[in-house]
Amino acid sequence: MTGPGAAVRSLADIERAAREALAPDVWDFVAGGSGDELTLAGNRTALDQVALVPRALTGCAAADPGCTVLGEPWPIPAAVAPMAYQRLLHPEGEVAAARAAAAAGVTYVISTMSSSPLEEITATGARTWFQLYWLKDRARTAELVRRAERAGCGALMLTVDVPVMGRRLRDARNGFTLPGSVSAALLGDGPHSATAHTADDTGSAVARHTSAVFDPALSWQDVEWLRGLTSLPLALKGVLSPADARRSADAGVDLLVVSNHGGRQLDGAIGSADALPAVASAVAGRLPVLLDSGVRGGTDVLRALALGARGVLLGRPVLWGLATDGEAGVRTVLDQVRDELEHAMLLAGCPTPAHAPGLARGTEGTR
């Protein structure tokens, strides 16, 4: 997928191919962070500083990476993160990525800002969750939840770290706008639908569109309202504070995603892997935690497990695969992550994800 006869040895190979395949402004939209991109870089630093302490003489001859999340069997402790406008990268966009997830048995999280209709995505047969942004129009928010329920989504994931879009300077400098063929399919032809396609001298059209439709006043009272609206399991994505984690558990939330939005929101925010241990400890035994932001391979998945996560969300690598080879490219990414994880587990003497906590340096005594 990186060229005739080229072998994929790591996700970095796919990243290079995606950068070559995409227009520069689209690459910047995918790869960029906010501000000076300190948090974007910090996510990698945080993961790279997690040193694993392998166990020897365990008799581990094979590794089984399967686990259970919200009662669902996951073949690997990873799901596809919710990401907007995937038809920017491939004509079939979210549908192609979801087909790859279905083939791999991996849960696919559908974004509110999907460029493909929700029902076309769920029709792929993928196990799906639905990610919700909090809209200014409460009735539209409720209808999105009902639509996700009718389509068979297995959980609802509320993103809580985007009261406003971060200052994504690459997009502003590029004057980034969506092409006419790509739009927020789930929001329909509302009064602001043209905003994301209209260039002006203020910078990113996508940021203007977000400002027009997202409600920055999302609060714990809204979480309570949402909890009462649906019987679906409820996850909160974008939690970095242990205090927020404890309050989430008290509010009836079923799962947390430790995330700084891939370094695309508050620049200078803590790296997700740095925040993970305290959040996991704050809710220990009450609800599972996933790690999002900066995951670039199977060893990173094992690092997250070692720090107390139940699993991870895979973001940009999925988009790289989609950009290079559509459905087949995403499947290559998911297969690569699984292969790397199984190999890392064997080397660490870790037969299952349940054996991973305590493998990180400084946590050895927790097992």
Protein backbone atom coordinates (compact mmCIF):
# COMPACT_ATOMS: atom_id res chain seq x y z
CA MET A 1 0.00 0.00 0.00
CA THR A 2 3.02 2.30 0.22
CA GLY A 3 4.01 1.51 -3.34
CA PRO A 4 4.30 -1.53 -5.61
CA GLY A 5 5.73 -4.38 -3.60
CA ALA A 6 6.42 -2.17 -0.59
CA ALA A 7 6.16 -3.89 2.79
CA VAL A 8 4.61 -2.15 5.79
CA ARG A 9 6.91 -2.61 8.77
CA SER A 10 5.38 0.01 11.06
CA LEU A 11 2.70 2.66 11.15
CA ALA A 12 5.39 5.21 10.34
CA ASP A 13 5.58 3.68 6.84
CA ILE A 14 1.86 4.32 6.40
CA GLU A 15 2.17 7.84 7.77
CA ARG A 16 4.82 8.71 5.17
CA ALA A 17 2.66 7.31 2.38
CA ALA A 18 -0.37 9.27 3.58
CA ARG A 19 1.55 12.52 3.66
CA GLU A 20 2.64 11.96 0.07
CA ALA A 21 -0.91 11.11 -1.00
CA LEU A 22 -2.74 14.08 0.53
CA ALA A 23 -2.90 17.73 -0.49
CA PRO A 24 -0.81 19.84 1.92
CA ASP A 25 -3.80 21.61 3.48
CA VAL A 26 -5.62 18.32 4.09
CA TRP A 27 -2.46 16.83 5.60
CA ASP A 28 -2.22 19.82 7.93
CA PHE A 29 -5.88 19.39 8.92
CA VAL A 30 -5.17 15.76 9.87
CA ALA A 31 -1.72 16.11 11.39
CA GLY A 32 -1.85 19.50 13.04
CA GLY A 33 -2.47 20.51 16.61
CA SER A 34 -3.39 23.74 18.31
CA GLY A 35 -1.22 26.71 19.16
CA ASP A 36 2.48 25.91 19.11
CA GLU A 37 1.62 22.19 19.08
CA LEU A 38 3.27 21.60 22.46
CA THR A 39 0.58 19.19 23.59
CA LEU A 40 0.64 17.44 20.22
CA ALA A 41 4.34 16.71 20.78
CA GLY A 42 3.79 16.09 24.49
CA ASN A 43 1.51 13.16 23.79
CA ARG A 44 4.37 11.30 22.14
CA THR A 45 6.82 12.34 24.84
CA ALA A 46 4.48 11.04 27.53
CA LEU A 47 4.11 7.65 25.86
CA ASP A 48 7.79 7.36 24.98
CA GLN A 49 8.70 7.91 28.62
CA VAL A 50 6.62 4.94 29.77
CA ALA A 51 9.29 2.29 30.26
CA LEU A 52 8.00 -1.27 30.42
CA VAL A 53 9.49 -3.78 32.85
CA PRO A 54 9.17 -7.26 31.27
CA ARG A 55 8.51 -10.31 33.40
CA ALA A 56 10.74 -13.32 32.76
CA LEU A 57 10.14 -17.06 33.07
CA THR A 58 6.38 -16.71 32.87
CA GLY A 59 5.83 -19.72 30.63
CA CYS A 60 3.93 -17.44 28.27
CA ALA A 61 4.06 -19.13 24.85
CA ALA A 62 1.23 -17.12 23.26
CA ALA A 63 -0.52 -13.83 23.86
CA ASP A 64 -4.25 -13.28 23.64
CA PRO A 65 -4.99 -9.53 23.30
CA GLY A 66 -8.75 -9.94 23.65
CA CYS A 67 -10.65 -8.10 26.39
CA THR A 68 -14.16 -6.96 27.33
CA VAL A 69 -15.33 -3.32 27.29
CA LEU A 70 -18.87 -2.36 28.38
CA GLY A 71 -19.84 -6.00 28.05
CA GLU A 72 -18.58 -6.22 24.46
CA PRO A 73 -15.82 -8.67 23.50
CA TRP A 74 -12.98 -6.78 21.83
CA PRO A 75 -10.40 -8.82 19.85
CA ILE A 76 -7.81 -6.22 20.74
CA PRO A 77 -8.00 -3.50 23.40
CA ALA A 78 -8.53 -0.77 20.81
CA ALA A 79 -11.35 0.98 18.97
CA VAL A 80 -11.37 3.47 16.10
CA ALA A 81 -11.60 7.00 17.50
CA PRO A 82 -14.34 9.37 16.33
CA MET A 83 -12.87 11.60 13.60
CA ALA A 84 -14.54 14.17 11.38
CA TYR A 85 -14.87 14.43 7.61
CA GLN A 86 -13.20 11.18 6.58
CA ARG A 87 -14.27 11.64 2.96
CA LEU A 88 -11.53 14.26 2.79
CA LEU A 89 -9.14 11.31 2.71
CA HIS A 90 -10.99 8.82 0.54
CA PRO A 91 -14.23 8.95 -1.48
CA GLU A 92 -15.86 6.27 0.69
CA GLY A 93 -14.64 7.87 3.91
CA GLU A 94 -16.24 6.55 7.07
CA VAL A 95 -17.95 3.68 5.25
CA ALA A 96 -14.63 2.27 4.06
CA ALA A 97 -13.07 2.67 7.51
CA ALA A 98 -16.06 1.01 9.17
CA ARG A 99 -15.91 -1.95 6.77
CA ALA A 100 -12.28 -2.46 7.74
CA ALA A 101 -13.19 -2.24 11.43
CA ALA A 102 -15.98 -4.78 10.89
CA ALA A 103 -13.57 -7.20 9.21
CA ALA A 104 -11.16 -6.86 12.14
CA GLY A 105 -13.91 -7.07 14.77
CA VAL A 106 -12.93 -3.63 16.07
CA THR A 107 -15.48 -1.14 17.40
CA TYR A 108 -15.88 1.95 15.23
CA VAL A 109 -16.90 5.24 16.87
CA ILE A 110 -18.96 7.44 14.54
CA SER A 111 -18.37 11.19 14.80
CA THR A 112 -21.14 13.78 14.93
CA MET A 113 -19.12 15.47 12.17
CA SER A 114 -19.11 12.37 9.96
CA SER A 115 -19.13 13.07 6.24
CA SER A 116 -21.20 9.90 5.65
CA PRO A 117 -24.73 9.20 6.93
CA LEU A 118 -24.84 7.29 10.18
CA GLU A 119 -27.05 4.57 8.72
CA GLU A 120 -24.62 3.87 5.86
CA ILE A 121 -21.87 3.36 8.42
CA THR A 122 -23.84 1.01 10.65
CA ALA A 123 -24.98 -0.93 7.56
CA THR A 124 -21.37 -2.14 7.15
CA GLY A 125 -21.97 -4.53 10.03
CA ALA A 126 -19.34 -2.88 12.20
CA ARG A 127 -19.90 -2.73 15.94
CA THR A 128 -20.47 1.01 16.40
CA TRP A 129 -20.65 3.63 19.10
CA PHE A 130 -21.80 7.19 18.48
CA GLN A 131 -19.78 10.25 19.49
CA LEU A 132 -21.84 13.32 20.34
CA TYR A 133 -20.85 16.98 20.26
CA TRP A 134 -23.10 19.24 22.34
CA LEU A 135 -25.09 21.40 19.93
CA LYS A 136 -26.72 24.74 20.60
CA ASP A 137 -29.96 23.24 19.33
CA ARG A 138 -31.03 20.90 22.16
CA ALA A 139 -33.74 19.28 20.01
CA ARG A 140 -31.18 18.42 17.34
CA THR A 141 -28.89 16.96 20.01
CA ALA A 142 -31.71 14.74 21.24
CA GLU A 143 -32.57 13.65 17.72
CA LEU A 144 -28.97 12.61 17.07
CA VAL A 145 -29.13 10.42 20.16
CA ARG A 146 -32.40 8.85 18.99
CA ARG A 147 -30.97 8.33 15.52
CA ALA A 148 -27.94 6.54 16.96
CA GLU A 149 -30.22 4.32 19.03
CA ARG A 150 -32.36 3.44 16.01
CA ALA A 151 -29.27 2.64 13.93
CA GLY A 152 -28.03 0.17 16.51
CA CYS A 153 -25.07 2.01 18.03
CA GLY A 154 -23.97 0.23 21.18
CA ALA A 155 -22.88 3.23 23.27
CA LEU A 156 -22.89 7.01 23.34
CA MET A 157 -19.64 8.97 23.71
CA LEU A 158 -19.98 12.65 24.68
CA THR A 159 -16.95 14.78 23.86
CA VAL A 160 -16.45 17.28 26.68
CA ASP A 161 -13.24 19.12 25.69
CA VAL A 162 -14.53 21.25 22.78
CA PRO A 163 -16.46 24.21 24.20
CA VAL A 164 -14.80 26.01 21.32
CA MET A 165 -12.33 24.68 18.76
CA GLY A 166 -8.67 25.08 19.65
CA ARG A 167 -6.56 27.61 17.77
CA ARG A 168 -5.33 25.33 15.00
CA LEU A 169 -2.85 27.61 13.34
CA ARG A 170 -2.05 25.39 10.37
CA ASP A 171 -5.71 25.50 9.31
CA ALA A 172 -5.94 29.24 9.94
CA ARG A 173 -2.83 29.94 7.87
CA ASN A 174 -4.13 27.71 5.08
CA GLY A 175 -7.58 29.33 5.20
CA PHE A 176 -8.84 25.76 5.33
CA THR A 177 -12.31 25.11 3.90
CA LEU A 178 -14.15 21.90 3.12
CA PRO A 179 -14.68 21.05 -0.55
CA GLY A 180 -18.26 21.02 -1.75
CA SER A 181 -18.28 17.22 -1.84
CA VAL A 182 -17.61 16.92 1.91
CA SER A 183 -19.95 18.09 4.65
CA ALA A 184 -21.26 17.22 8.11
CA ALA A 185 -23.78 14.68 6.87
CA LEU A 186 -25.54 14.23 10.21
CA LEU A 187 -26.26 17.94 10.66
CA GLY A 188 -28.12 18.31 7.36
CA ASP A 189 -28.84 21.62 5.65
CA GLY A 190 -29.07 23.81 8.71
CA PRO A 191 -28.62 27.59 8.70
CA HIS A 192 -24.85 27.28 9.13
CA SER A 193 -24.23 24.39 6.73
CA ALA A 194 -22.46 26.57 4.15
CA THR A 195 -20.05 28.08 6.70
CA ALA A 196 -17.47 25.27 6.50
CA HIS A 197 -17.28 25.72 2.69
CA THR A 198 -16.91 29.50 2.67
CA ALA A 199 -13.47 31.09 2.77
CA ASP A 200 -12.85 34.50 4.29
CA ASP A 201 -9.89 36.33 5.80
CA THR A 202 -10.47 35.13 9.38
CA GLY A 203 -8.82 31.72 8.91
CA SER A 204 -10.36 28.25 9.22
CA ALA A 205 -13.88 27.84 7.87
CA VAL A 206 -14.19 24.60 9.85
CA ALA A 207 -13.54 26.53 13.07
CA ARG A 208 -16.22 29.08 12.16
CA HIS A 209 -18.71 26.32 11.49
CA THR A 210 -17.92 24.67 14.83
CA SER A 211 -18.39 27.97 16.65
CA ALA A 212 -21.78 28.42 15.00
CA VAL A 213 -23.22 25.02 15.97
CA PHE A 214 -21.47 23.86 19.19
CA ASP A 215 -22.68 25.03 22.60
CA PRO A 216 -19.72 26.14 24.76
CA ALA A 217 -21.81 26.05 27.94
CA LEU A 218 -21.88 22.25 28.31
CA SER A 219 -22.13 21.42 32.02
CA TRP A 220 -22.62 18.57 34.48
CA GLN A 221 -26.35 19.33 34.42
CA ASP A 222 -26.33 18.55 30.69
CA VAL A 223 -24.55 15.26 31.38
CA GLU A 224 -27.32 14.40 33.83
CA TRP A 225 -29.96 15.32 31.22
CA LEU A 226 -28.23 13.13 28.66
CA ARG A 227 -27.92 10.26 31.14
CA GLY A 228 -31.68 10.45 31.62
CA LEU A 229 -32.37 10.64 27.88
CA THR A 230 -30.84 7.32 26.84
CA SER A 231 -30.35 3.84 28.19
CA LEU A 232 -27.20 3.39 26.11
CA PRO A 233 -23.92 3.14 28.01
CA LEU A 234 -22.52 6.67 28.32
CA ALA A 235 -18.83 7.53 27.89
CA LEU A 236 -17.19 10.91 28.39
CA LYS A 237 -14.25 11.72 26.11
CA GLY A 238 -11.80 14.44 27.04
CA VAL A 239 -11.36 13.86 30.80
CA LEU A 240 -7.90 14.65 32.18
CA SER A 241 -8.64 15.59 35.81
CA PRO A 242 -9.05 12.98 38.57
CA ALA A 243 -11.71 15.21 40.16
CA ASP A 244 -13.70 15.18 36.91
CA ALA A 245 -13.23 11.43 36.72
CA ARG A 246 -14.71 10.90 40.19
CA ARG A 247 -17.63 13.19 39.40
CA SER A 248 -18.24 11.29 36.18
CA ALA A 249 -18.58 8.06 38.12
CA ASP A 250 -20.97 9.73 40.55
CA ALA A 251 -23.06 10.98 37.60
CA GLY A 252 -23.67 7.49 36.25
CA VAL A 253 -21.15 7.63 33.43
CA ASP A 254 -20.11 4.15 32.26
CA LEU A 255 -16.66 4.78 30.71
CA LEU A 256 -14.06 7.54 30.50
CA VAL A 257 -11.69 8.42 27.68
CA VAL A 258 -8.54 10.17 28.88
CA SER A 259 -7.87 12.50 25.97
CA ASN A 260 -6.59 15.96 25.07
CA HIS A 261 -8.16 15.66 21.61
CA GLY A 262 -4.89 14.63 20.02
CA GLY A 263 -3.26 17.92 20.99
CA ARG A 264 -5.89 19.87 19.04
CA GLN A 265 -7.59 21.76 21.89
CA LEU A 266 -5.83 23.47 24.83
CA ASP A 267 -2.16 23.78 23.90
CA GLY A 268 -0.12 23.21 27.02
CA ALA A 269 -2.55 20.62 28.39
CA ILE A 270 -1.10 17.55 30.07
CA GLY A 271 -0.15 14.63 27.85
CA SER A 272 -2.86 11.98 27.89
CA ALA A 273 -0.52 9.22 29.05
CA ASP A 274 0.72 11.49 31.85
CA ALA A 275 -2.87 12.04 33.00
CA LEU A 276 -3.93 8.41 32.71
CA PRO A 277 -2.60 6.86 35.96
CA ALA A 278 -4.27 9.41 38.24
CA VAL A 279 -7.58 9.22 36.38
CA ALA A 280 -7.54 5.41 36.40
CA SER A 281 -6.74 5.41 40.12
CA ALA A 282 -9.52 7.91 40.86
CA VAL A 283 -12.19 5.60 39.42
CA ALA A 284 -10.56 2.24 40.17
CA GLY A 285 -13.18 -0.48 40.21
CA ARG A 286 -16.02 1.88 39.28
CA LEU A 287 -15.71 2.23 35.51
CA PRO A 288 -13.22 1.45 32.73
CA VAL A 289 -10.87 4.00 31.20
CA LEU A 290 -9.57 4.26 27.64
CA LEU A 291 -6.55 6.26 26.47
CA ASP A 292 -6.76 8.52 23.43
CA SER A 293 -4.15 10.83 21.85
CA GLY A 294 -0.74 9.90 20.52
CA VAL A 295 -1.13 6.11 20.17
CA ARG A 296 1.07 5.00 17.28
CA GLY A 297 1.39 1.25 17.57
CA GLY A 298 1.00 -1.93 19.56
CA THR A 299 3.68 -1.08 22.11
CA ASP A 300 1.75 2.10 22.94
CA VAL A 301 -1.34 -0.03 23.54
CA LEU A 302 0.62 -2.18 26.01
CA ARG A 303 1.94 0.98 27.70
CA ALA A 304 -1.63 2.23 28.14
CA LEU A 305 -2.70 -1.10 29.62
CA ALA A 306 0.28 -1.05 31.96
CA LEU A 307 -0.81 2.37 33.25
CA GLY A 308 -4.33 1.20 34.02
CA ALA A 309 -6.32 1.70 30.81
CA ARG A 310 -8.74 -0.96 29.57
CA GLY A 311 -7.80 -0.05 26.00
CA VAL A 312 -7.13 2.79 23.58
CA LEU A 313 -8.69 4.76 20.76
CA LEU A 314 -6.80 4.77 17.46
CA GLY A 315 -7.00 8.09 15.68
CA ARG A 316 -4.64 9.49 13.10
CA PRO A 317 -3.14 6.11 12.08
CA VAL A 318 -6.58 5.04 10.85
CA LEU A 319 -6.77 8.18 8.73
CA TRP A 320 -3.32 7.44 7.30
CA GLY A 321 -4.48 4.01 6.22
CA LEU A 322 -7.68 5.42 4.74
CA ALA A 323 -5.72 8.01 2.76
CA THR A 324 -3.32 5.50 1.28
CA ASP A 325 -5.58 2.57 0.42
CA GLY A 326 -9.14 3.05 1.62
CA GLU A 327 -10.67 0.05 3.38
CA ALA A 328 -7.59 -2.11 2.76
CA GLY A 329 -5.35 0.59 4.19
CA VAL A 330 -7.35 0.82 7.41
CA ARG A 331 -7.32 -2.96 7.72
CA THR A 332 -3.54 -2.90 7.34
CA VAL A 333 -3.32 -0.40 10.20
CA LEU A 334 -5.53 -2.49 12.48
CA ASP A 335 -3.66 -5.69 11.63
CA GLN A 336 -0.32 -3.97 12.22
CA VAL A 337 -1.42 -2.77 15.66
CA ARG A 338 -2.60 -6.25 16.60
CA ASP A 339 0.64 -7.88 15.40
CA GLU A 340 2.78 -5.34 17.27
CA LEU A 341 0.71 -5.73 20.44
CA GLU A 342 0.88 -9.53 20.45
CA HIS A 343 4.65 -9.38 19.89
CA ALA A 344 5.12 -6.81 22.68
CA MET A 345 2.98 -8.87 25.06
CA LEU A 346 5.08 -11.97 24.44
CA LEU A 347 8.30 -10.06 24.99
CA ALA A 348 6.90 -8.60 28.21
CA GLY A 349 5.72 -11.96 29.56
CA CYS A 350 2.13 -10.72 29.43
CA PRO A 351 -0.31 -13.42 28.27
CA THR A 352 -3.47 -11.26 28.43
CA PRO A 353 -4.36 -7.57 28.92
CA ALA A 354 -5.35 -8.41 32.49
CA HIS A 355 -1.67 -9.13 33.21
CA ALA A 356 -0.48 -5.73 31.96
CA PRO A 357 -1.13 -3.46 34.98
CA GLY A 358 2.12 -3.06 36.82
CA LEU A 359 4.36 -3.58 33.79
CA ALA A 360 5.26 0.12 33.69
CA ARG A 361 8.36 1.30 35.55
CA GLY A 362 7.34 2.59 38.96
CA THR A 363 4.25 0.39 39.12
CA GLU A 364 5.94 -3.00 39.41
CA GLY A 365 4.66 -3.54 42.93
CA THR A 366 1.02 -3.20 41.91
CA ARG A 367 0.75 -6.78 40.61
